[in-house]
């Protein structure tokens, strides 16, 4: 997988962009409840965008498990 530059990663993870997606996912304050995180299906580091279709709201525990599985499989 091709890595994306740090400046593009920062732009995709900007607070304004993330808050906009969170609001679109049904959280009007633009903030997630405690224990929830916004997960990128296609990681930002390899070109994934911060959009409603490329993100999921999941529990923090599930997020850690997904990334542990990706590391184990050599995908990150």
N, C-alpha and C. Protein backbone atom coordinates (compact mmCIF):
# COMPACT_ATOMS: atom_id res chain seq x y z
N UNK A 1 0.83 -1.19 0.00
CA UNK A 1 0.00 0.00 0.00
C UNK A 1 0.87 1.24 0.00
N UNK A 2 0.50 2.21 -0.79
CA UNK A 2 1.25 3.45 -0.89
C UNK A 2 0.88 4.38 0.27
N UNK A 3 1.88 4.92 0.92
CA UNK A 3 1.65 5.86 2.02
C UNK A 3 1.35 7.25 1.48
N UNK A 4 0.54 8.00 2.24
CA UNK A 4 0.15 9.36 1.88
C UNK A 4 0.99 10.33 2.70
N UNK A 5 1.29 11.49 2.15
CA UNK A 5 2.12 12.47 2.86
C UNK A 5 1.47 12.90 4.17
N UNK A 6 2.31 13.32 5.10
CA UNK A 6 1.83 13.73 6.42
C UNK A 6 0.88 14.92 6.33
N UNK A 7 1.13 15.85 5.43
CA UNK A 7 0.25 17.02 5.31
C UNK A 7 -1.14 16.62 4.83
N UNK A 8 -1.23 15.65 3.93
CA UNK A 8 -2.54 15.18 3.47
C UNK A 8 -3.26 14.42 4.59
N UNK A 9 -2.49 13.67 5.38
CA UNK A 9 -3.10 12.96 6.51
C UNK A 9 -3.67 13.94 7.52
N UNK A 10 -2.91 15.00 7.81
CA UNK A 10 -3.39 16.02 8.75
C UNK A 10 -4.67 16.67 8.24
N UNK A 11 -4.72 16.97 6.95
CA UNK A 11 -5.90 17.60 6.37
C UNK A 11 -7.12 16.69 6.49
N UNK A 12 -6.94 15.40 6.28
CA UNK A 12 -8.06 14.46 6.36
C UNK A 12 -8.53 14.28 7.80
N UNK A 13 -7.64 14.51 8.75
CA UNK A 13 -7.99 14.33 10.16
C UNK A 13 -8.32 15.65 10.85
N UNK A 14 -8.54 16.71 10.10
CA UNK A 14 -8.81 18.02 10.71
C UNK A 14 -10.08 17.93 11.56
N UNK A 15 -10.07 18.69 12.65
CA UNK A 15 -11.21 18.65 13.57
C UNK A 15 -12.51 19.05 12.89
N UNK A 16 -12.45 20.03 11.99
CA UNK A 16 -13.66 20.49 11.30
C UNK A 16 -14.23 19.38 10.41
N UNK A 17 -13.37 18.71 9.69
CA UNK A 17 -13.82 17.64 8.79
C UNK A 17 -14.40 16.47 9.58
N UNK A 18 -13.72 16.10 10.66
CA UNK A 18 -14.18 14.99 11.50
C UNK A 18 -15.52 15.34 12.13
N UNK A 19 -15.65 16.56 12.66
CA UNK A 19 -16.91 16.97 13.30
C UNK A 19 -18.06 16.97 12.29
N UNK A 20 -17.79 17.38 11.06
CA UNK A 20 -18.82 17.40 10.01
C UNK A 20 -19.33 15.98 9.74
N UNK A 21 -18.42 15.02 9.66
CA UNK A 21 -18.80 13.62 9.41
C UNK A 21 -19.58 13.07 10.61
N UNK A 22 -19.13 13.39 11.81
CA UNK A 22 -19.81 12.90 13.01
C UNK A 22 -21.23 13.45 13.06
N UNK A 23 -21.41 14.73 12.73
CA UNK A 23 -22.77 15.30 12.70
C UNK A 23 -23.62 14.59 11.65
N UNK A 24 -23.04 14.31 10.48
CA UNK A 24 -23.78 13.61 9.42
C UNK A 24 -24.17 12.20 9.84
N UNK A 25 -23.43 11.63 10.78
CA UNK A 25 -23.74 10.28 11.25
C UNK A 25 -24.75 10.29 12.40
N UNK A 26 -25.31 11.46 12.72
CA UNK A 26 -26.39 11.53 13.69
C UNK A 26 -26.02 12.01 15.08
N UNK A 27 -24.86 12.64 15.21
CA UNK A 27 -24.44 13.18 16.49
C UNK A 27 -24.36 14.70 16.34
N UNK A 28 -25.46 15.41 16.66
CA UNK A 28 -25.59 16.84 16.33
C UNK A 28 -24.52 17.75 16.94
N UNK A 29 -23.89 17.34 18.02
CA UNK A 29 -22.87 18.21 18.62
C UNK A 29 -21.53 18.11 17.89
N UNK A 30 -21.39 17.11 17.04
CA UNK A 30 -20.12 16.91 16.35
C UNK A 30 -19.10 16.17 17.21
N UNK A 31 -19.57 15.68 18.35
CA UNK A 31 -18.71 14.92 19.25
C UNK A 31 -19.35 13.56 19.50
N UNK A 32 -18.52 12.55 19.70
CA UNK A 32 -19.03 11.21 19.95
C UNK A 32 -19.19 10.96 21.44
N UNK A 33 -20.11 10.08 21.82
CA UNK A 33 -20.25 9.71 23.22
C UNK A 33 -18.98 9.02 23.72
N UNK A 34 -18.81 9.04 25.03
CA UNK A 34 -17.66 8.39 25.65
C UNK A 34 -17.62 6.91 25.25
N UNK A 35 -16.43 6.45 24.88
CA UNK A 35 -16.27 5.04 24.51
C UNK A 35 -16.48 4.75 23.04
N UNK A 36 -16.81 5.77 22.24
CA UNK A 36 -17.01 5.61 20.79
C UNK A 36 -15.92 6.35 20.05
N UNK A 37 -15.52 5.83 18.89
CA UNK A 37 -14.51 6.47 18.05
C UNK A 37 -14.94 6.42 16.59
N UNK A 38 -14.35 7.30 15.80
CA UNK A 38 -14.60 7.32 14.36
C UNK A 38 -13.48 6.53 13.69
N UNK A 39 -13.83 5.43 13.06
CA UNK A 39 -12.86 4.53 12.43
C UNK A 39 -12.91 4.69 10.92
N UNK A 40 -11.73 4.82 10.30
CA UNK A 40 -11.64 4.89 8.84
C UNK A 40 -11.52 3.47 8.29
N UNK A 41 -12.44 3.06 7.42
CA UNK A 41 -12.41 1.73 6.81
C UNK A 41 -11.14 1.59 5.98
N UNK A 42 -10.91 2.54 5.07
CA UNK A 42 -9.64 2.62 4.35
C UNK A 42 -8.81 3.64 5.10
N UNK A 43 -7.71 3.23 5.71
CA UNK A 43 -6.92 4.13 6.55
C UNK A 43 -6.47 5.39 5.81
N UNK A 44 -6.47 6.50 6.54
CA UNK A 44 -6.02 7.77 5.99
C UNK A 44 -4.57 7.66 5.51
N UNK A 45 -3.77 6.89 6.20
CA UNK A 45 -2.35 6.74 5.85
C UNK A 45 -2.14 6.14 4.46
N UNK A 46 -3.14 5.46 3.93
CA UNK A 46 -3.01 4.87 2.59
C UNK A 46 -4.00 5.49 1.59
N UNK A 47 -4.50 6.68 1.94
CA UNK A 47 -5.34 7.41 0.99
C UNK A 47 -6.82 7.44 1.30
N UNK A 48 -7.25 6.85 2.41
CA UNK A 48 -8.66 6.88 2.78
C UNK A 48 -9.10 8.30 3.14
N UNK A 49 -10.33 8.63 2.85
CA UNK A 49 -10.85 9.97 3.11
C UNK A 49 -11.75 9.97 4.34
N UNK A 50 -11.91 11.15 4.92
CA UNK A 50 -12.81 11.32 6.05
C UNK A 50 -14.18 11.67 5.48
N UNK A 51 -14.93 10.65 5.10
CA UNK A 51 -16.27 10.81 4.53
C UNK A 51 -17.22 9.89 5.29
N UNK A 52 -18.51 10.11 5.10
CA UNK A 52 -19.48 9.25 5.78
C UNK A 52 -19.40 7.82 5.27
N UNK A 53 -19.03 7.63 4.01
CA UNK A 53 -18.98 6.28 3.48
C UNK A 53 -17.70 5.52 3.85
N UNK A 54 -16.65 6.24 4.26
CA UNK A 54 -15.39 5.57 4.62
C UNK A 54 -15.16 5.53 6.12
N UNK A 55 -16.13 5.94 6.90
CA UNK A 55 -15.96 5.93 8.36
C UNK A 55 -17.10 5.17 9.02
N UNK A 56 -16.80 4.66 10.19
CA UNK A 56 -17.80 3.97 11.02
C UNK A 56 -17.64 4.46 12.45
N UNK A 57 -18.74 4.58 13.17
CA UNK A 57 -18.68 4.88 14.59
C UNK A 57 -18.72 3.53 15.31
N UNK A 58 -17.64 3.23 16.03
CA UNK A 58 -17.53 1.95 16.73
C UNK A 58 -17.02 2.18 18.13
N UNK A 59 -17.08 1.13 18.94
CA UNK A 59 -16.57 1.26 20.31
C UNK A 59 -15.05 1.31 20.29
N UNK A 60 -14.49 1.90 21.32
CA UNK A 60 -13.04 2.00 21.43
C UNK A 60 -12.41 0.61 21.48
N UNK A 61 -13.05 -0.31 22.18
CA UNK A 61 -12.51 -1.68 22.28
C UNK A 61 -12.48 -2.36 20.91
N UNK A 62 -13.54 -2.19 20.13
CA UNK A 62 -13.58 -2.79 18.80
C UNK A 62 -12.51 -2.15 17.90
N UNK A 63 -12.31 -0.85 18.05
CA UNK A 63 -11.30 -0.14 17.26
C UNK A 63 -9.91 -0.70 17.54
N UNK A 64 -9.59 -0.90 18.81
CA UNK A 64 -8.29 -1.48 19.16
C UNK A 64 -8.15 -2.88 18.57
N UNK A 65 -9.21 -3.67 18.59
CA UNK A 65 -9.17 -5.03 18.05
C UNK A 65 -8.95 -5.03 16.54
N UNK A 66 -9.63 -4.14 15.83
CA UNK A 66 -9.47 -4.04 14.37
C UNK A 66 -8.02 -3.74 14.04
N UNK A 67 -7.43 -2.78 14.73
CA UNK A 67 -6.04 -2.41 14.43
C UNK A 67 -5.05 -3.49 14.87
N UNK A 68 -5.35 -4.20 15.93
CA UNK A 68 -4.50 -5.32 16.34
C UNK A 68 -4.52 -6.41 15.26
N UNK A 69 -5.70 -6.68 14.73
CA UNK A 69 -5.83 -7.68 13.66
C UNK A 69 -5.10 -7.24 12.40
N UNK A 70 -5.18 -5.95 12.06
CA UNK A 70 -4.48 -5.43 10.88
C UNK A 70 -2.97 -5.54 11.06
N UNK A 71 -2.48 -5.23 12.27
CA UNK A 71 -1.04 -5.35 12.52
C UNK A 71 -0.60 -6.80 12.40
N UNK A 72 -1.40 -7.70 12.96
CA UNK A 72 -1.07 -9.12 12.93
C UNK A 72 -1.03 -9.63 11.48
N UNK A 73 -1.92 -9.12 10.64
CA UNK A 73 -1.99 -9.54 9.24
C UNK A 73 -0.96 -8.81 8.37
N UNK A 74 -0.24 -7.85 8.97
CA UNK A 74 0.77 -7.11 8.22
C UNK A 74 0.20 -6.03 7.33
N UNK A 75 -1.03 -5.60 7.61
CA UNK A 75 -1.67 -4.59 6.76
C UNK A 75 -1.40 -3.17 7.21
N UNK A 76 -0.87 -3.01 8.41
CA UNK A 76 -0.46 -1.66 8.86
C UNK A 76 0.87 -1.77 9.57
